[in-house]
Every structure is written in C-alpha cells, then in structure tokens.
Amino acid sequence: AHSAEVLILDEATASLDKRTEKKLMGNIRSFAKQKELTVISITHNLMNSVQADQIITLSNGKLVSTGTHEELVDQCDTYKNLWLKQISKGIEIGVN
C-alpha cells in the first residue's frame, strides 16, 4: 500500500466546538509531522493557520500574498484586517 504525501483539508473544523477543534488540529499536526506529510488546509479561521510554514491569502479568488503568519500580519492588509477582526471576536481556536 502506498501512503499519501499530501493531506488536503477543506474547512475540516468548521462545525466543531472550540475544544474539539483545538484537539483535532493538534492531532493533525502531530500525524502530519510523524508521517512527513504536506498539509494543505483551506480555512477561514486564521488561528488554524498561525503555525503553518506558508499561508496563501486569497481575496475574490485572486492571490493577494503569501508568507508566514507574522509576515502577513506585518505586510498584507487583507490578512491583517481579517486577523484583527477574528481576534476582536475572541476566536481562539486551534493553537496549542
């Protein structure tokens, strides 16, 4: 049997409560690291992307910017504004 090298998640935690989402994201990160997988995660919840090696920011289907969370908060207004909006609403999901 051949194992996959890429795991694609599309809003994988969208309908989970915060506690379950945090646990699942931690398990996914551990599993991906152990299996040396590339994870592509499509999400509107930026907290699930904070630890990503690379984040791709899209707006209206077009590439806006790429970088780490820190780079995007510093250099990409689209990402920064969404991040600040989510933080102000108290979204604290997925960070271990």
N, C-alpha and C. Protein backbone atom coordinates (compact mmCIF):
# COMPACT_ATOMS: atom_id res chain seq x y z
N ALA A 1 0.84 -1.19 0.00
CA ALA A 1 0.00 0.00 0.00
C ALA A 1 0.88 1.24 0.00
N HIS A 2 0.46 2.21 -0.76
CA HIS A 2 1.19 3.47 -0.87
C HIS A 2 0.48 4.53 -0.05
N SER A 3 1.22 5.22 0.79
CA SER A 3 0.59 6.25 1.61
C SER A 3 0.66 7.61 0.92
N ALA A 4 -0.31 8.44 1.20
CA ALA A 4 -0.37 9.77 0.61
C ALA A 4 0.71 10.66 1.19
N GLU A 5 1.21 11.57 0.38
CA GLU A 5 2.21 12.53 0.84
C GLU A 5 1.60 13.90 1.11
N VAL A 6 0.36 14.08 0.64
CA VAL A 6 -0.33 15.36 0.80
C VAL A 6 -1.69 15.10 1.45
N LEU A 7 -2.01 15.88 2.46
CA LEU A 7 -3.31 15.82 3.11
C LEU A 7 -4.00 17.16 2.85
N ILE A 8 -5.17 17.13 2.23
CA ILE A 8 -5.92 18.36 1.92
C ILE A 8 -7.14 18.43 2.83
N LEU A 9 -7.25 19.51 3.58
CA LEU A 9 -8.36 19.74 4.49
C LEU A 9 -9.13 20.97 4.03
N ASP A 10 -10.43 20.82 3.81
CA ASP A 10 -11.26 21.93 3.36
C ASP A 10 -12.28 22.23 4.44
N GLU A 11 -12.01 23.29 5.21
CA GLU A 11 -12.87 23.68 6.33
C GLU A 11 -13.13 22.47 7.24
N ALA A 12 -12.07 21.73 7.55
CA ALA A 12 -12.18 20.48 8.30
C ALA A 12 -12.77 20.63 9.69
N THR A 13 -12.67 21.82 10.25
CA THR A 13 -13.14 22.01 11.63
C THR A 13 -14.32 22.98 11.71
N ALA A 14 -14.92 23.30 10.60
CA ALA A 14 -15.94 24.36 10.55
C ALA A 14 -17.13 24.13 11.48
N SER A 15 -17.52 22.89 11.70
CA SER A 15 -18.71 22.65 12.52
C SER A 15 -18.39 22.07 13.89
N LEU A 16 -17.13 22.20 14.31
CA LEU A 16 -16.73 21.67 15.62
C LEU A 16 -16.73 22.75 16.68
N ASP A 17 -16.92 22.34 17.93
CA ASP A 17 -16.78 23.29 19.03
C ASP A 17 -15.29 23.59 19.21
N LYS A 18 -14.97 24.67 19.92
CA LYS A 18 -13.59 25.13 20.07
C LYS A 18 -12.67 24.07 20.66
N ARG A 19 -13.13 23.40 21.69
CA ARG A 19 -12.30 22.40 22.37
C ARG A 19 -11.95 21.24 21.43
N THR A 20 -12.95 20.74 20.72
CA THR A 20 -12.74 19.64 19.79
C THR A 20 -11.85 20.07 18.63
N GLU A 21 -12.07 21.29 18.14
CA GLU A 21 -11.26 21.82 17.05
C GLU A 21 -9.79 21.92 17.44
N LYS A 22 -9.54 22.42 18.61
CA LYS A 22 -8.15 22.55 19.09
C LYS A 22 -7.48 21.19 19.18
N LYS A 23 -8.20 20.22 19.71
CA LYS A 23 -7.66 18.86 19.84
C LYS A 23 -7.41 18.25 18.46
N LEU A 24 -8.37 18.39 17.56
CA LEU A 24 -8.22 17.83 16.22
C LEU A 24 -7.04 18.45 15.49
N MET A 25 -6.90 19.77 15.55
CA MET A 25 -5.80 20.43 14.86
C MET A 25 -4.45 19.97 15.42
N GLY A 26 -4.37 19.79 16.72
CA GLY A 26 -3.14 19.27 17.32
C GLY A 26 -2.83 17.87 16.83
N ASN A 27 -3.86 17.03 16.76
CA ASN A 27 -3.69 15.66 16.26
C ASN A 27 -3.27 15.65 14.79
N ILE A 28 -3.85 16.52 14.00
CA ILE A 28 -3.48 16.60 12.58
C ILE A 28 -2.03 17.02 12.44
N ARG A 29 -1.60 18.03 13.20
CA ARG A 29 -0.20 18.47 13.14
C ARG A 29 0.75 17.36 13.54
N SER A 30 0.43 16.64 14.61
CA SER A 30 1.29 15.54 15.07
C SER A 30 1.35 14.43 14.03
N PHE A 31 0.21 14.05 13.49
CA PHE A 31 0.14 12.99 12.49
C PHE A 31 0.93 13.38 11.24
N ALA A 32 0.74 14.61 10.77
CA ALA A 32 1.42 15.08 9.57
C ALA A 32 2.93 15.11 9.77
N LYS A 33 3.36 15.52 10.93
CA LYS A 33 4.79 15.56 11.22
C LYS A 33 5.37 14.14 11.26
N GLN A 34 4.68 13.25 11.94
CA GLN A 34 5.12 11.86 12.06
C GLN A 34 5.22 11.19 10.69
N LYS A 35 4.25 11.43 9.83
CA LYS A 35 4.19 10.80 8.50
C LYS A 35 4.89 11.62 7.42
N GLU A 36 5.46 12.78 7.83
CA GLU A 36 6.14 13.69 6.90
C GLU A 36 5.23 14.10 5.74
N LEU A 37 4.02 14.51 6.08
CA LEU A 37 3.02 14.92 5.09
C LEU A 37 3.05 16.42 4.87
N THR A 38 2.72 16.81 3.66
CA THR A 38 2.40 18.20 3.37
C THR A 38 0.91 18.36 3.62
N VAL A 39 0.53 19.38 4.40
CA VAL A 39 -0.88 19.62 4.69
C VAL A 39 -1.31 20.91 4.01
N ILE A 40 -2.35 20.80 3.22
CA ILE A 40 -2.97 21.98 2.61
C ILE A 40 -4.31 22.14 3.31
N SER A 41 -4.44 23.24 4.04
CA SER A 41 -5.65 23.47 4.83
C SER A 41 -6.36 24.71 4.31
N ILE A 42 -7.58 24.52 3.86
CA ILE A 42 -8.41 25.63 3.40
C ILE A 42 -9.31 26.01 4.57
N THR A 43 -9.15 27.24 5.06
CA THR A 43 -9.89 27.65 6.25
C THR A 43 -10.12 29.15 6.27
N HIS A 44 -11.23 29.53 6.88
CA HIS A 44 -11.49 30.94 7.14
C HIS A 44 -11.02 31.32 8.54
N ASN A 45 -10.78 30.31 9.38
CA ASN A 45 -10.33 30.55 10.74
C ASN A 45 -8.82 30.65 10.76
N LEU A 46 -8.30 31.86 10.84
CA LEU A 46 -6.86 32.08 10.74
C LEU A 46 -6.08 31.47 11.90
N MET A 47 -6.71 31.25 13.03
CA MET A 47 -6.00 30.62 14.15
C MET A 47 -5.49 29.23 13.76
N ASN A 48 -6.18 28.57 12.84
CA ASN A 48 -5.75 27.24 12.40
C ASN A 48 -4.54 27.31 11.47
N SER A 49 -4.17 28.51 11.05
CA SER A 49 -3.05 28.68 10.12
C SER A 49 -1.82 29.32 10.75
N VAL A 50 -1.93 29.77 11.97
CA VAL A 50 -0.84 30.52 12.61
C VAL A 50 0.48 29.75 12.59
N GLN A 51 0.43 28.45 12.79
CA GLN A 51 1.66 27.65 12.85
C GLN A 51 2.11 27.12 11.49
N ALA A 52 1.42 27.48 10.43
CA ALA A 52 1.76 26.99 9.08
C ALA A 52 3.10 27.55 8.63
N ASP A 53 3.82 26.75 7.86
CA ASP A 53 5.09 27.20 7.27
C ASP A 53 4.85 28.29 6.24
N GLN A 54 3.72 28.19 5.53
CA GLN A 54 3.41 29.13 4.47
C GLN A 54 1.89 29.28 4.38
N ILE A 55 1.42 30.51 4.32
CA ILE A 55 -0.01 30.81 4.21
C ILE A 55 -0.21 31.55 2.89
N ILE A 56 -1.23 31.12 2.16
CA ILE A 56 -1.59 31.79 0.91
C ILE A 56 -2.89 32.55 1.17
N THR A 57 -2.87 33.85 0.94
CA THR A 57 -4.04 34.69 1.17
C THR A 57 -4.70 35.00 -0.17
N LEU A 58 -6.00 34.68 -0.24
CA LEU A 58 -6.79 34.95 -1.45
C LEU A 58 -7.88 35.97 -1.12
N SER A 59 -8.24 36.76 -2.10
CA SER A 59 -9.37 37.67 -1.97
C SER A 59 -10.10 37.68 -3.31
N ASN A 60 -11.38 37.36 -3.28
CA ASN A 60 -12.18 37.27 -4.51
C ASN A 60 -11.54 36.34 -5.53
N GLY A 61 -10.97 35.24 -5.04
CA GLY A 61 -10.39 34.23 -5.91
C GLY A 61 -9.02 34.56 -6.47
N LYS A 62 -8.44 35.66 -6.05
CA LYS A 62 -7.13 36.08 -6.56
C LYS A 62 -6.09 36.07 -5.45
N LEU A 63 -4.87 35.66 -5.82
CA LEU A 63 -3.76 35.65 -4.88
C LEU A 63 -3.43 37.07 -4.43
N VAL A 64 -3.42 37.26 -3.11
CA VAL A 64 -3.09 38.56 -2.54
C VAL A 64 -1.66 38.56 -2.02
N SER A 65 -1.30 37.50 -1.28
CA SER A 65 0.02 37.46 -0.67
C SER A 65 0.30 36.05 -0.15
N THR A 66 1.57 35.78 0.10
CA THR A 66 2.00 34.54 0.75
C THR A 66 3.03 34.89 1.81
N GLY A 67 3.13 34.04 2.80
CA GLY A 67 4.13 34.24 3.85
C GLY A 67 3.73 33.52 5.11
N THR A 68 4.50 33.72 6.16
CA THR A 68 4.15 33.19 7.47
C THR A 68 3.10 34.10 8.10
N HIS A 69 2.52 33.65 9.19
CA HIS A 69 1.54 34.48 9.90
C HIS A 69 2.14 35.84 10.25
N GLU A 70 3.33 35.83 10.82
CA GLU A 70 3.98 37.08 11.24
C GLU A 70 4.21 38.01 10.05
N GLU A 71 4.69 37.43 8.93
CA GLU A 71 4.94 38.25 7.74
C GLU A 71 3.65 38.86 7.21
N LEU A 72 2.59 38.07 7.17
CA LEU A 72 1.33 38.56 6.62
C LEU A 72 0.68 39.61 7.50
N VAL A 73 0.74 39.44 8.82
CA VAL A 73 0.19 40.47 9.72
C VAL A 73 0.94 41.78 9.51
N ASP A 74 2.24 41.68 9.25
CA ASP A 74 3.07 42.87 9.07
C ASP A 74 2.93 43.50 7.69
N GLN A 75 2.71 42.66 6.64
CA GLN A 75 2.85 43.15 5.27
C GLN A 75 1.59 43.07 4.40
N CYS A 76 0.55 42.38 4.84
CA CYS A 76 -0.63 42.18 3.99
C CYS A 76 -1.87 42.72 4.68
N ASP A 77 -2.40 43.82 4.17
CA ASP A 77 -3.57 44.45 4.79
C ASP A 77 -4.79 43.53 4.80
N THR A 78 -4.99 42.75 3.74
CA THR A 78 -6.14 41.84 3.68
C THR A 78 -6.07 40.84 4.82
N TYR A 79 -4.93 40.21 5.00
CA TYR A 79 -4.75 39.22 6.06
C TYR A 79 -4.82 39.89 7.43
N LYS A 80 -4.12 40.99 7.59
CA LYS A 80 -4.08 41.69 8.87
C LYS A 80 -5.49 42.10 9.31
N ASN A 81 -6.28 42.65 8.40
CA ASN A 81 -7.64 43.08 8.75
C ASN A 81 -8.52 41.91 9.16
N LEU A 82 -8.41 40.79 8.45
CA LEU A 82 -9.19 39.61 8.82
C LEU A 82 -8.73 39.07 10.17
N TRP A 83 -7.42 39.05 10.39
CA TRP A 83 -6.86 38.58 11.66
C TRP A 83 -7.38 39.44 12.82
N LEU A 84 -7.30 40.75 12.67
CA LEU A 84 -7.77 41.65 13.73
C LEU A 84 -9.26 41.50 13.98
N LYS A 85 -10.02 41.29 12.92
CA LYS A 85 -11.47 41.10 13.05
C LYS A 85 -11.76 39.82 13.84
N GLN A 86 -11.05 38.74 13.53
CA GLN A 86 -11.27 37.48 14.23
C GLN A 86 -10.82 37.57 15.69
N ILE A 87 -9.70 38.19 15.94
CA ILE A 87 -9.21 38.33 17.31
C ILE A 87 -10.17 39.18 18.14
N SER A 88 -10.72 40.22 17.54
CA SER A 88 -11.65 41.08 18.29
C SER A 88 -12.93 40.34 18.66
N LYS A 89 -13.26 39.31 17.89
CA LYS A 89 -14.45 38.50 18.20
C LYS A 89 -14.12 37.38 19.18
N GLY A 90 -12.86 37.28 19.56
CA GLY A 90 -12.48 36.27 20.55
C GLY A 90 -12.33 34.87 20.01
N ILE A 91 -12.06 34.75 18.71
CA ILE A 91 -11.85 33.42 18.15
C ILE A 91 -10.47 32.93 18.57
N GLU A 92 -10.47 31.87 19.36
CA GLU A 92 -9.22 31.30 19.87
C GLU A 92 -9.23 29.82 19.63
N ILE A 93 -9.09 29.42 18.39
CA ILE A 93 -9.26 28.03 18.03
C ILE A 93 -7.99 27.49 17.40
N GLY A 94 -7.62 26.27 17.76
CA GLY A 94 -6.61 25.53 17.04
C GLY A 94 -5.17 25.77 17.44
N VAL A 95 -4.87 26.69 18.32
CA VAL A 95 -3.48 26.94 18.69
C VAL A 95 -3.16 26.12 19.93
N ASN A 96 -2.05 25.39 19.84
CA ASN A 96 -1.61 24.59 21.00
C ASN A 96 -0.54 25.30 21.76
